[in-house]
Structures are given as structure tokens and as C-alpha cells.
Amino acid sequence: MYDGNPSSIADEQSDLTTLIGSSPGAGTRTDPPVNPFASDAAYIALKLGNTVVYIKNTSGGSQTYTYAQNGAQGLGLSHTTAFGAVAPIPVPAAVWLMGAGLAGLGFAGRRKRAA
């Protein structure tokens, strides 16, 4: 799957689909990326020399990525491709229930004071 040939967005999307078992969505390439770079994409493909590295963003928001070339010639980061948007982290149902309970206590306390 990773043959080192110049990768296209379609190649990276196909490889990522195989890795995650579903389509990651449309990709946006940055040639070459600034250092550091930030992204809120669900998946990032980094083209490093003859290798493509895939990163999954599990933070629920934007992440900042920093890389070091360490003097390597021809093996640096040539481009990044961002796939999909990060899904927001849902608020658990318990938070809504607790809020409703506190509101109910507030209304009950207000009713007793008025009487």
C-alpha cells in the first residue's frame, strides 16, 4: 500500500479509507506546510520522504503540529493533506439532567419564598 511513489490526494484518501474502514471525506493539501502548523482536521496525512504518515485528531478541536528535519536532505516534510472535520465532543446527557435538576430546585425555592 505504501510504495513511496509521489502521492496524490486520491491515493492518500484511498489508503486512509483502507486504514479506518470508511471514507475520511475530501482532502485539502498544503505544499509545503509552515512549521509549526495548526489543523482542526479529523485526519492528517504527512508526506515524509518516501513515506506517508497518518495522524488521527482525537482532541475534538484544533491541534498544533511541530516537526524537525534534523538536517536530513530530501527526507523532510514535503506536504500535508487534511481530511474531514473533527466532530465536536458531545455533552453527556448527565450534564443536561443535572442542569434541569438545579433549575427545578431553583424554581421550587423561589415558590416557597413567594408563599
PDB file of N, CA and C in Angstrom:
ATOM      1  N   MET A   1       0.828  -1.182   0.000  1.00  0.00           N
ATOM      2  CA  MET A   1       0.000   0.000   0.000  1.00  0.00           C
ATOM      3  C   MET A   1       0.877   1.252   0.000  1.00  0.00           C
ATOM      4  N   TYR A   2       2.007   1.247   0.710  1.00  0.00           N
ATOM      5  CA  TYR A   2       2.868   2.421   0.801  1.00  0.00           C
ATOM      6  C   TYR A   2       4.112   2.172  -0.048  1.00  0.00           C
ATOM      7  N   ASP A   3       4.051   2.539  -1.327  1.00  0.00           N
ATOM      8  CA  ASP A   3       5.128   2.216  -2.247  1.00  0.00           C
ATOM      9  C   ASP A   3       6.146   3.328  -2.432  1.00  0.00           C
ATOM     10  N   GLY A   4       5.955   4.485  -1.798  1.00  0.00           N
ATOM     11  CA  GLY A   4       6.926   5.561  -1.904  1.00  0.00           C
ATOM     12  C   GLY A   4       6.779   6.410  -3.143  1.00  0.00           C
ATOM     13  N   ASN A   5       5.869   6.068  -4.026  1.00  0.00           N
ATOM     14  CA  ASN A   5       5.663   6.892  -5.216  1.00  0.00           C
ATOM     15  C   ASN A   5       5.043   8.219  -4.807  1.00  0.00           C
ATOM     16  N   PRO A   6       5.219   9.250  -5.640  1.00  0.00           N
ATOM     17  CA  PRO A   6       4.571  10.528  -5.309  1.00  0.00           C
ATOM     18  C   PRO A   6       3.083  10.308  -5.081  1.00  0.00           C
ATOM     19  N   SER A   7       2.606  10.788  -3.963  1.00  0.00           N
ATOM     20  CA  SER A   7       1.208  10.536  -3.612  1.00  0.00           C
ATOM     21  C   SER A   7       0.333  11.700  -4.037  1.00  0.00           C
ATOM     22  N   SER A   8      -0.878  11.354  -4.407  1.00  0.00           N
ATOM     23  CA  SER A   8      -1.880  12.363  -4.726  1.00  0.00           C
ATOM     24  C   SER A   8      -2.901  12.360  -3.599  1.00  0.00           C
ATOM     25  N   ILE A   9      -3.784  13.331  -3.604  1.00  0.00           N
ATOM     26  CA  ILE A   9      -4.839  13.362  -2.591  1.00  0.00           C
ATOM     27  C   ILE A   9      -5.694  12.101  -2.693  1.00  0.00           C
ATOM     28  N   ALA A  10      -5.962  11.666  -3.918  1.00  0.00           N
ATOM     29  CA  ALA A  10      -6.777  10.463  -4.114  1.00  0.00           C
ATOM     30  C   ALA A  10      -6.073   9.228  -3.550  1.00  0.00           C
ATOM     31  N   ASP A  11      -4.751   9.105  -3.742  1.00  0.00           N
ATOM     32  CA  ASP A  11      -4.002   7.972  -3.190  1.00  0.00           C
ATOM     33  C   ASP A  11      -4.061   7.978  -1.662  1.00  0.00           C
ATOM     34  N   GLU A  12      -3.833   9.146  -1.067  1.00  0.00           N
ATOM     35  CA  GLU A  12      -3.852   9.249   0.391  1.00  0.00           C
ATOM     36  C   GLU A  12      -5.249   8.964   0.937  1.00  0.00           C
ATOM     37  N   GLN A  13      -6.279   9.458   0.236  1.00  0.00           N
ATOM     38  CA  GLN A  13      -7.660   9.205   0.651  1.00  0.00           C
ATOM     39  C   GLN A  13      -7.967   7.710   0.585  1.00  0.00           C
ATOM     40  N   SER A  14      -7.515   7.045  -0.459  1.00  0.00           N
ATOM     41  CA  SER A  14      -7.731   5.609  -0.613  1.00  0.00           C
ATOM     42  C   SER A  14      -7.029   4.830   0.499  1.00  0.00           C
ATOM     43  N   ASP A  15      -5.770   5.178   0.796  1.00  0.00           N
ATOM     44  CA  ASP A  15      -5.030   4.499   1.867  1.00  0.00           C
ATOM     45  C   ASP A  15      -5.714   4.721   3.211  1.00  0.00           C
ATOM     46  N   LEU A  16      -6.150   5.938   3.466  1.00  0.00           N
ATOM     47  CA  LEU A  16      -6.800   6.261   4.731  1.00  0.00           C
ATOM     48  C   LEU A  16      -8.142   5.545   4.854  1.00  0.00           C
ATOM     49  N   THR A  17      -8.871   5.430   3.762  1.00  0.00           N
ATOM     50  CA  THR A  17     -10.137   4.685   3.759  1.00  0.00           C
ATOM     51  C   THR A  17      -9.886   3.236   4.145  1.00  0.00           C
ATOM     52  N   THR A  18      -8.798   2.646   3.631  1.00  0.00           N
ATOM     53  CA  THR A  18      -8.440   1.276   3.988  1.00  0.00           C
ATOM     54  C   THR A  18      -8.093   1.167   5.467  1.00  0.00           C
ATOM     55  N   LEU A  19      -7.365   2.149   5.985  1.00  0.00           N
ATOM     56  CA  LEU A  19      -6.940   2.116   7.387  1.00  0.00           C
ATOM     57  C   LEU A  19      -8.095   2.269   8.373  1.00  0.00           C
ATOM     58  N   ILE A  20      -9.024   3.196   8.091  1.00  0.00           N
ATOM     59  CA  ILE A  20     -10.086   3.486   9.067  1.00  0.00           C
ATOM     60  C   ILE A  20     -11.397   2.768   8.760  1.00  0.00           C
ATOM     61  N   GLY A  21     -11.521   2.188   7.593  1.00  0.00           N
ATOM     62  CA  GLY A  21     -12.712   1.424   7.257  1.00  0.00           C
ATOM     63  C   GLY A  21     -13.872   2.237   6.731  1.00  0.00           C
ATOM     64  N   SER A  22     -13.674   3.543   6.532  1.00  0.00           N
ATOM     65  CA  SER A  22     -14.715   4.395   5.961  1.00  0.00           C
ATOM     66  C   SER A  22     -14.031   5.575   5.284  1.00  0.00           C
ATOM     67  N   SER A  23     -14.798   6.318   4.513  1.00  0.00           N
ATOM     68  CA  SER A  23     -14.221   7.457   3.801  1.00  0.00           C
ATOM     69  C   SER A  23     -13.926   8.604   4.768  1.00  0.00           C
ATOM     70  N   PRO A  24     -12.706   9.186   4.689  1.00  0.00           N
ATOM     71  CA  PRO A  24     -12.360  10.295   5.568  1.00  0.00           C
ATOM     72  C   PRO A  24     -12.889  11.638   5.092  1.00  0.00           C
ATOM     73  N   GLY A  25     -13.538  11.670   3.947  1.00  0.00           N
ATOM     74  CA  GLY A  25     -14.024  12.931   3.391  1.00  0.00           C
ATOM     75  C   GLY A  25     -13.004  13.533   2.439  1.00  0.00           C
ATOM     76  N   ALA A  26     -13.276  14.725   1.964  1.00  0.00           N
ATOM     77  CA  ALA A  26     -12.416  15.391   0.995  1.00  0.00           C
ATOM     78  C   ALA A  26     -11.117  15.846   1.662  1.00  0.00           C
ATOM     79  N   GLY A  27     -10.052  15.881   0.876  1.00  0.00           N
ATOM     80  CA  GLY A  27      -8.753  16.295   1.396  1.00  0.00           C
ATOM     81  C   GLY A  27      -8.325  17.648   0.862  1.00  0.00           C
ATOM     82  N   THR A  28      -7.557  18.371   1.682  1.00  0.00           N
ATOM     83  CA  THR A  28      -7.001  19.661   1.294  1.00  0.00           C
ATOM     84  C   THR A  28      -5.497  19.607   1.524  1.00  0.00           C
ATOM     85  N   ARG A  29      -4.717  19.809   0.456  1.00  0.00           N
ATOM     86  CA  ARG A  29      -3.257  19.705   0.542  1.00  0.00           C
ATOM     87  C   ARG A  29      -2.619  21.059   0.793  1.00  0.00           C
ATOM     88  N   THR A  30      -1.564  21.065   1.621  1.00  0.00           N
ATOM     89  CA  THR A  30      -0.751  22.251   1.863  1.00  0.00           C
ATOM     90  C   THR A  30       0.669  21.923   1.442  1.00  0.00           C
ATOM     91  N   ASP A  31       1.198  22.660   0.489  1.00  0.00           N
ATOM     92  CA  ASP A  31       2.522  22.415  -0.110  1.00  0.00           C
ATOM     93  C   ASP A  31       3.402  23.622   0.013  1.00  0.00           C
ATOM     94  N   PRO A  32       4.508  23.641   0.616  1.00  0.00           N
ATOM     95  CA  PRO A  32       4.894  22.897   1.817  1.00  0.00           C
ATOM     96  C   PRO A  32       4.276  23.559   3.036  1.00  0.00           C
ATOM     97  N   PRO A  33       4.111  22.827   4.112  1.00  0.00           N
ATOM     98  CA  PRO A  33       3.490  23.397   5.304  1.00  0.00           C
ATOM     99  C   PRO A  33       4.456  24.301   6.072  1.00  0.00           C
ATOM    100  N   VAL A  34       3.919  25.237   6.793  1.00  0.00           N
ATOM    101  CA  VAL A  34       4.742  26.071   7.667  1.00  0.00           C
ATOM    102  C   VAL A  34       5.048  25.258   8.925  1.00  0.00           C
ATOM    103  N   ASN A  35       6.051  25.661   9.657  1.00  0.00           N
ATOM    104  CA  ASN A  35       6.426  24.953  10.878  1.00  0.00           C
ATOM    105  C   ASN A  35       6.398  25.913  12.044  1.00  0.00           C
ATOM    106  N   PRO A  36       5.589  25.714  13.032  1.00  0.00           N
ATOM    107  CA  PRO A  36       4.567  24.683  13.192  1.00  0.00           C
ATOM    108  C   PRO A  36       3.312  25.014  12.399  1.00  0.00           C
ATOM    109  N   PHE A  37       2.442  24.031  12.226  1.00  0.00           N
ATOM    110  CA  PHE A  37       1.176  24.281  11.550  1.00  0.00           C
ATOM    111  C   PHE A  37       0.044  23.774  12.426  1.00  0.00           C
ATOM    112  N   ALA A  38      -1.116  24.379  12.276  1.00  0.00           N
ATOM    113  CA  ALA A  38      -2.296  24.007  13.061  1.00  0.00           C
ATOM    114  C   ALA A  38      -3.371  23.470  12.123  1.00  0.00           C
ATOM    115  N   SER A  39      -4.155  22.538  12.628  1.00  0.00           N
ATOM    116  CA  SER A  39      -5.241  21.969  11.839  1.00  0.00           C
ATOM    117  C   SER A  39      -6.330  21.462  12.771  1.00  0.00           C
ATOM    118  N   ASP A  40      -7.576  21.582  12.323  1.00  0.00           N
ATOM    119  CA  ASP A  40      -8.684  21.000  13.057  1.00  0.00           C
ATOM    120  C   ASP A  40      -9.286  19.829  12.287  1.00  0.00           C
ATOM    121  N   ALA A  41      -8.509  19.282  11.347  1.00  0.00           N
ATOM    122  CA  ALA A  41      -8.970  18.153  10.551  1.00  0.00           C
ATOM    123  C   ALA A  41      -9.011  16.886  11.390  1.00  0.00           C
ATOM    124  N   ALA A  42      -9.895  15.961  11.024  1.00  0.00           N
ATOM    125  CA  ALA A  42     -10.008  14.691  11.733  1.00  0.00           C
ATOM    126  C   ALA A  42      -8.784  13.814  11.473  1.00  0.00           C
ATOM    127  N   TYR A  43      -8.240  13.897  10.252  1.00  0.00           N
ATOM    128  CA  TYR A  43      -7.065  13.101   9.891  1.00  0.00           C
ATOM    129  C   TYR A  43      -6.083  13.980   9.128  1.00  0.00           C
ATOM    130  N   ILE A  44      -4.789  13.769   9.373  1.00  0.00           N
ATOM    131  CA  ILE A  44      -3.728  14.488   8.673  1.00  0.00           C
ATOM    132  C   ILE A  44      -2.813  13.451   8.033  1.00  0.00           C
ATOM    133  N   ALA A  45      -2.496  13.633   6.759  1.00  0.00           N
ATOM    134  CA  ALA A  45      -1.504  12.808   6.081  1.00  0.00           C
ATOM    135  C   ALA A  45      -0.242  13.650   5.925  1.00  0.00           C
ATOM    136  N   LEU A  46       0.887  13.134   6.412  1.00  0.00           N
ATOM    137  CA  LEU A  46       2.177  13.822   6.307  1.00  0.00           C
ATOM    138  C   LEU A  46       3.045  13.052   5.332  1.00  0.00           C
ATOM    139  N   LYS A  47       3.513  13.699   4.273  1.00  0.00           N
ATOM    140  CA  LYS A  47       4.394  13.053   3.298  1.00  0.00           C
ATOM    141  C   LYS A  47       5.826  13.338   3.714  1.00  0.00           C
ATOM    142  N   LEU A  48       6.483  12.327   4.276  1.00  0.00           N
ATOM    143  CA  LEU A  48       7.855  12.432   4.769  1.00  0.00           C
ATOM    144  C   LEU A  48       8.746  11.552   3.915  1.00  0.00           C
ATOM    145  N   GLY A  49       9.545  12.161   3.025  1.00  0.00           N
ATOM    146  CA  GLY A  49      10.403  11.360   2.155  1.00  0.00           C
ATOM    147  C   GLY A  49       9.569  10.411   1.325  1.00  0.00           C
ATOM    148  N   ASN A  50       9.838   9.088   1.467  1.00  0.00           N
ATOM    149  CA  ASN A  50       9.094   8.075   0.721  1.00  0.00           C
ATOM    150  C   ASN A  50       7.946   7.481   1.521  1.00  0.00           C
ATOM    151  N   THR A  51       7.591   8.105   2.605  1.00  0.00           N
ATOM    152  CA  THR A  51       6.577   7.550   3.493  1.00  0.00           C
ATOM    153  C   THR A  51       5.450   8.542   3.715  1.00  0.00           C
ATOM    154  N   VAL A  52       4.241   8.028   3.843  1.00  0.00           N
ATOM    155  CA  VAL A  52       3.100   8.845   4.237  1.00  0.00           C
ATOM    156  C   VAL A  52       2.687   8.381   5.630  1.00  0.00           C
ATOM    157  N   VAL A  53       2.639   9.319   6.571  1.00  0.00           N
ATOM    158  CA  VAL A  53       2.241   9.033   7.946  1.00  0.00           C
ATOM    159  C   VAL A  53       0.865   9.638   8.164  1.00  0.00           C
ATOM    160  N   TYR A  54      -0.025   8.867   8.787  1.00  0.00           N
ATOM    161  CA  TYR A  54      -1.383   9.330   9.033  1.00  0.00           C
ATOM    162  C   TYR A  54      -1.576   9.567  10.525  1.00  0.00           C
ATOM    163  N   ILE A  55      -2.187  10.703  10.873  1.00  0.00           N
ATOM    164  CA  ILE A  55      -2.444  11.072  12.265  1.00  0.00           C
ATOM    165  C   ILE A  55      -3.945  11.283  12.423  1.00  0.00           C
ATOM    166  N   LYS A  56      -4.503  10.738  13.512  1.00  0.00           N
ATOM    167  CA  LYS A  56      -5.914  10.947  13.831  1.00  0.00           C
ATOM    168  C   LYS A  56      -6.003  11.976  14.957  1.00  0.00           C
ATOM    169  N   ASN A  57      -6.800  13.007  14.755  1.00  0.00           N
ATOM    170  CA  ASN A  57      -7.004  14.047  15.759  1.00  0.00           C
ATOM    171  C   ASN A  57      -8.141  13.615  16.666  1.00  0.00           C
ATOM    172  N   THR A  58      -7.820  13.311  17.916  1.00  0.00           N
ATOM    173  CA  THR A  58      -8.839  12.880  18.870  1.00  0.00           C
ATOM    174  C   THR A  58      -9.144  13.960  19.905  1.00  0.00           C
ATOM    175  N   SER A  59      -8.637  15.168  19.702  1.00  0.00           N
ATOM    176  CA  SER A  59      -8.779  16.229  20.698  1.00  0.00           C
ATOM    177  C   SER A  59     -10.159  16.893  20.682  1.00  0.00           C
ATOM    178  N   GLY A  60     -10.863  16.806  19.570  1.00  0.00           N
ATOM    179  CA  GLY A  60     -12.142  17.494  19.452  1.00  0.00           C
ATOM    180  C   GLY A  60     -12.000  18.942  19.025  1.00  0.00           C
ATOM    181  N   GLY A  61     -10.811  19.367  18.673  1.00  0.00           N
ATOM    182  CA  GLY A  61     -10.568  20.750  18.253  1.00  0.00           C
ATOM    183  C   GLY A  61      -9.282  20.863  17.457  1.00  0.00           C
ATOM    184  N   SER A  62      -8.773  22.065  17.363  1.00  0.00           N
ATOM    185  CA  SER A  62      -7.566  22.329  16.596  1.00  0.00           C
ATOM    186  C   SER A  62      -6.328  21.832  17.342  1.00  0.00           C
ATOM    187  N   GLN A  63      -5.384  21.295  16.599  1.00  0.00           N
ATOM    188  CA  GLN A  63      -4.108  20.831  17.133  1.00  0.00           C
ATOM    189  C   GLN A  63      -2.976  21.557  16.417  1.00  0.00           C
ATOM    190  N   THR A  64      -1.879  21.813  17.116  1.00  0.00           N
ATOM    191  CA  THR A  64      -0.692  22.406  16.516  1.00  0.00           C
ATOM    192  C   THR A  64       0.370  21.324  16.398  1.00  0.00           C
ATOM    193  N   TYR A  65       0.946  21.195  15.222  1.00  0.00           N
ATOM    194  CA  TYR A  65       1.951  20.178  14.942  1.00  0.00           C
ATOM    195  C   TYR A  65       3.279  20.865  14.647  1.00  0.00           C
ATOM    196  N   THR A  66       4.355  20.397  15.273  1.00  0.00           N
ATOM    197  CA  THR A  66       5.705  20.911  15.053  1.00  0.00           C
ATOM    198  C   THR A  66       6.570  19.747  14.594  1.00  0.00           C
ATOM    199  N   TYR A  67       7.428  19.994  13.614  1.00  0.00           N
ATOM    200  CA  TYR A  67       8.303  18.937  13.129  1.00  0.00           C
ATOM    201  C   TYR A  67       9.730  19.461  13.021  1.00  0.00           C
ATOM    202  N   ALA A  68      10.685  18.537  13.072  1.00  0.00           N
ATOM    203  CA  ALA A  68      12.104  18.876  12.942  1.00  0.00           C
ATOM    204  C   ALA A  68      12.706  18.016  11.840  1.00  0.00           C
ATOM    205  N   GLN A  69      13.455  18.644  10.935  1.00  0.00           N
ATOM    206  CA  GLN A  69      14.079  17.893   9.849  1.00  0.00           C
ATOM    207  C   GLN A  69      15.418  17.304  10.273  1.00  0.00           C
ATOM    208  N   ASN A  70      16.001  17.811  11.343  1.00  0.00           N
ATOM    209  CA  ASN A  70      17.262  17.286  11.869  1.00  0.00           C
ATOM    210  C   ASN A  70      18.353  17.174  10.814  1.00  0.00           C
ATOM    211  N   GLY A  71      18.414  18.108   9.899  1.00  0.00           N
ATOM    212  CA  GLY A  71      19.475  18.154   8.887  1.00  0.00           C
ATOM    213  C   GLY A  71      19.321  17.170   7.749  1.00  0.00           C
ATOM    214  N   ALA A  72      18.235  16.406   7.700  1.00  0.00           N
ATOM    215  CA  ALA A  72      18.051  15.416   6.633  1.00  0.00           C
ATOM    216  C   ALA A  72      17.791  16.126   5.311  1.00  0.00           C
ATOM    217  N   GLN A  73      18.453  15.696   4.280  1.00  0.00           N
ATOM    218  CA  GLN A  73      18.275  16.255   2.944  1.00  0.00           C
ATOM    219  C   GLN A  73      17.376  15.334   2.131  1.00  0.00           C
ATOM    220  N   GLY A  74      16.325  15.873   1.553  1.00  0.00           N
ATOM    221  CA  GLY A  74      15.428  15.086   0.701  1.00  0.00           C
ATOM    222  C   GLY A  74      14.481  14.188   1.468  1.00  0.00           C
ATOM    223  N   LEU A  75      14.543  14.203   2.787  1.00  0.00           N
ATOM    224  CA  LEU A  75      13.665  13.347   3.576  1.00  0.00           C
ATOM    225  C   LEU A  75      12.716  14.153   4.443  1.00  0.00           C
ATOM    226  N   GLY A  76      12.636  15.446   4.185  1.00  0.00           N
ATOM    227  CA  GLY A  76      11.793  16.309   5.004  1.00  0.00           C
ATOM    228  C   GLY A  76      10.332  16.198   4.649  1.00  0.00           C
ATOM    229  N   LEU A  77       9.549  16.990   5.317  1.00  0.00           N
ATOM    230  CA  LEU A  77       8.108  17.023   5.117  1.00  0.00           C
ATOM    231  C   LEU A  77       7.810  17.807   3.848  1.00  0.00           C
ATOM    232  N   SER A  78       7.278  17.133   2.832  1.00  0.00           N
ATOM    233  CA  SER A  78       7.026  17.806   1.557  1.00  0.00           C
ATOM    234  C   SER A  78       5.635  18.424   1.493  1.00  0.00           C
ATOM    235  N   HIS A  79       4.644  17.761   2.110  1.00  0.00           N
ATOM    236  CA  HIS A  79       3.290  18.319   2.124  1.00  0.00           C
ATOM    237  C   HIS A  79       2.454  17.639   3.202  1.00  0.00           C
ATOM    238  N   THR A  80       1.350  18.284   3.532  1.00  0.00           N
ATOM    239  CA  THR A  80       0.347  17.693   4.420  1.00  0.00           C
ATOM    240  C   THR A  80      -0.987  17.709   3.690  1.00  0.00           C
ATOM    241  N   THR A  81      -1.825  16.750   4.025  1.00  0.00           N
ATOM    242  CA  THR A  81      -3.179  16.715   3.493  1.00  0.00           C
ATOM    243  C   THR A  81      -4.130  16.531   4.665  1.00  0.00           C
ATOM    244  N   ALA A  82      -5.104  17.421   4.786  1.00  0.00           N
ATOM    245  CA  ALA A  82      -6.085  17.380   5.867  1.00  0.00           C
ATOM    246  C   ALA A  82      -7.376  16.759   5.344  1.00  0.00           C
ATOM    247  N   PHE A  83      -7.921  15.817   6.105  1.00  0.00           N
ATOM    248  CA  PHE A  83      -9.160  15.133   5.726  1.00  0.00           C
ATOM    249  C   PHE A  83     -10.209  15.303   6.801  1.00  0.00           C
ATOM    250  N   GLY A  84     -11.405  15.746   6.401  1.00  0.00           N
ATOM    251  CA  GLY A  84     -12.552  15.802   7.289  1.00  0.00           C
ATOM    252  C   GLY A  84     -12.412  16.796   8.422  1.00  0.00           C
ATOM    253  N   ALA A  85     -13.515  17.083   9.040  1.00  0.00           N
ATOM    254  CA  ALA A  85     -13.538  17.984  10.193  1.00  0.00           C
ATOM    255  C   ALA A  85     -13.693  17.154  11.457  1.00  0.00           C
ATOM    256  N   VAL A  86     -13.133  17.629  12.524  1.00  0.00           N
ATOM    257  CA  VAL A  86     -13.253  16.949  13.810  1.00  0.00           C
ATOM    258  C   VAL A  86     -14.684  17.096  14.307  1.00  0.00           C
ATOM    259  N   ALA A  87     -15.272  15.984  14.697  1.00  0.00           N
ATOM    260  CA  ALA A  87     -16.623  16.033  15.264  1.00  0.00           C
ATOM    261  C   ALA A  87     -16.534  16.610  16.670  1.00  0.00           C
ATOM    262  N   PRO A  88     -17.394  17.545  17.008  1.00  0.00           N
ATOM    263  CA  PRO A  88     -17.354  18.096  18.368  1.00  0.00           C
ATOM    264  C   PRO A  88     -17.647  17.016  19.405  1.00  0.00           C
ATOM    265  N   ILE A  89     -17.027  17.130  20.546  1.00  0.00           N
ATOM    266  CA  ILE A  89     -17.247  16.163  21.614  1.00  0.00           C
ATOM    267  C   ILE A  89     -18.615  16.455  22.229  1.00  0.00           C
ATOM    268  N   PRO A  90     -19.506  15.461  22.237  1.00  0.00           N
ATOM    269  CA  PRO A  90     -20.862  15.711  22.733  1.00  0.00           C
ATOM    270  C   PRO A  90     -20.875  15.892  24.250  1.00  0.00           C
ATOM    271  N   VAL A  91     -21.810  16.704  24.715  1.00  0.00           N
ATOM    272  CA  VAL A  91     -22.002  16.897  26.146  1.00  0.00           C
ATOM    273  C   VAL A  91     -22.816  15.713  26.650  1.00  0.00           C
ATOM    274  N   PRO A  92     -22.329  15.022  27.665  1.00  0.00           N
ATOM    275  CA  PRO A  92     -23.061  13.854  28.165  1.00  0.00           C
ATOM    276  C   PRO A  92     -24.459  14.234  28.653  1.00  0.00           C
ATOM    277  N   ALA A  93     -25.366  13.281  28.565  1.00  0.00           N
ATOM    278  CA  ALA A  93     -26.749  13.511  28.992  1.00  0.00           C
ATOM    279  C   ALA A  93     -26.827  13.867  30.469  1.00  0.00           C
ATOM    280  N   ALA A  94     -25.879  13.373  31.258  1.00  0.00           N
ATOM    281  CA  ALA A  94     -25.902  13.652  32.697  1.00  0.00           C
ATOM    282  C   ALA A  94     -25.800  15.152  32.979  1.00  0.00           C
ATOM    283  N   VAL A  95     -25.067  15.881  32.146  1.00  0.00           N
ATOM    284  CA  VAL A  95     -24.938  17.326  32.339  1.00  0.00           C
ATOM    285  C   VAL A  95     -26.289  17.999  32.148  1.00  0.00           C
ATOM    286  N   TRP A  96     -27.020  17.594  31.129  1.00  0.00           N
ATOM    287  CA  TRP A  96     -28.339  18.182  30.881  1.00  0.00           C
ATOM    288  C   TRP A  96     -29.306  17.842  32.022  1.00  0.00           C
ATOM    289  N   LEU A  97     -29.234  16.602  32.503  1.00  0.00           N
ATOM    290  CA  LEU A  97     -30.109  16.207  33.610  1.00  0.00           C
ATOM    291  C   LEU A  97     -29.777  16.987  34.882  1.00  0.00           C
ATOM    292  N   MET A  98     -28.484  17.168  35.157  1.00  0.00           N
ATOM    293  CA  MET A  98     -28.095  17.916  36.335  1.00  0.00           C
ATOM    294  C   MET A  98     -28.558  19.369  36.231  1.00  0.00           C
ATOM    295  N   GLY A  99     -28.418  19.959  35.053  1.00  0.00           N
ATOM    296  CA  GLY A  99     -28.877  21.336  34.843  1.00  0.00           C
ATOM    297  C   GLY A  99     -30.374  21.476  35.047  1.00  0.00           C
ATOM    298  N   ALA A 100     -31.128  20.505  34.547  1.00  0.00           N
ATOM    299  CA  ALA A 100     -32.582  20.541  34.719  1.00  0.00           C
ATOM    300  C   ALA A 100     -32.947  20.387  36.195  1.00  0.00           C
ATOM    301  N   GLY A 101     -32.226  19.523  36.909  1.00  0.00           N
ATOM    302  CA  GLY A 101     -32.478  19.342  38.339  1.00  0.00           C
ATOM    303  C   GLY A 101     -32.188  20.609  39.134  1.00  0.00           C
ATOM    304  N   LEU A 102     -31.083  21.278  38.824  1.00  0.00           N
ATOM    305  CA  LEU A 102     -30.747  22.529  39.514  1.00  0.00           C
ATOM    306  C   LEU A 102     -31.778  23.620  39.218  1.00  0.00           C
ATOM    307  N   ALA A 103     -32.224  23.672  37.967  1.00  0.00           N
ATOM    308  CA  ALA A 103     -33.251  24.658  37.611  1.00  0.00           C
ATOM    309  C   ALA A 103     -34.540  24.365  38.370  1.00  0.00           C
ATOM    310  N   GLY A 104     -34.895  23.084  38.495  1.00  0.00           N
ATOM    311  CA  GLY A 104     -36.094  22.704  39.244  1.00  0.00           C
ATOM    312  C   GLY A 104     -35.988  23.087  40.706  1.00  0.00           C
ATOM    313  N   LEU A 105     -34.814  22.880  41.302  1.00  0.00           N
ATOM    314  CA  LEU A 105     -34.609  23.278  42.701  1.00  0.00           C
ATOM    315  C   LEU A 105     -34.711  24.796  42.849  1.00  0.00           C
ATOM    316  N   GLY A 106     -34.182  25.518  41.877  1.00  0.00           N
ATOM    317  CA  GLY A 106     -34.269  26.982  41.913  1.00  0.00           C
ATOM    318  C   GLY A 106     -35.705  27.458  41.853  1.00  0.00           C
ATOM    319  N   PHE A 107     -36.516  26.873  40.989  1.00  0.00           N
ATOM    320  CA  PHE A 107     -37.923  27.252  40.893  1.00  0.00           C
ATOM    321  C   PHE A 107     -38.684  26.864  42.156  1.00  0.00           C
ATOM    322  N   ALA A 108     -38.369  25.691  42.723  1.00  0.00           N
ATOM    323  CA  ALA A 108     -39.049  25.252  43.947  1.00  0.00           C
ATOM    324  C   ALA A 108     -38.709  26.178  45.110  1.00  0.00           C
ATOM    325  N   GLY A 109     -37.448  26.587  45.206  1.00  0.00           N
ATOM    326  CA  GLY A 109     -37.041  27.504  46.260  1.00  0.00           C
ATOM    327  C   GLY A 109     -37.696  28.865  46.098  1.00  0.00           C
ATOM    328  N   ARG A 110     -37.848  29.315  44.890  1.00  0.00           N
ATOM    329  CA  ARG A 110     -38.472  30.614  44.614  1.00  0.00           C
ATOM    330  C   ARG A 110     -39.959  30.581  44.985  1.00  0.00           C
ATOM    331  N   ARG A 111     -40.614  29.460  44.720  1.00  0.00           N
ATOM    332  CA  ARG A 111     -42.047  29.311  45.007  1.00  0.00           C
ATOM    333  C   ARG A 111     -42.287  29.351  46.514  1.00  0.00           C
ATOM    334  N   LYS A 112     -41.396  28.718  47.298  1.00  0.00           N
ATOM    335  CA  LYS A 112     -41.560  28.703  48.759  1.00  0.00           C
ATOM    336  C   LYS A 112     -41.391  30.107  49.346  1.00  0.00           C
ATOM    337  N   ARG A 113     -40.451  30.878  48.811  1.00  0.00           N
ATOM    338  CA  ARG A 113     -40.216  32.234  49.309  1.00  0.00           C
ATOM    339  C   ARG A 113     -41.400  33.138  49.004  1.00  0.00           C
ATOM    340  N   ALA A 114     -42.050  32.951  47.872  1.00  0.00           N
ATOM    341  CA  ALA A 114     -43.178  33.798  47.479  1.00  0.00           C
ATOM    342  C   ALA A 114     -44.407  33.534  48.344  1.00  0.00           C
ATOM    343  N   ALA A 115     -44.551  32.330  48.898  1.00  0.00           N
ATOM    344  CA  ALA A 115     -45.735  31.971  49.668  1.00  0.00           C
ATOM    345  C   ALA A 115     -45.710  32.482  51.080  1.00  0.00           C
TER     346      ALA A 115
END
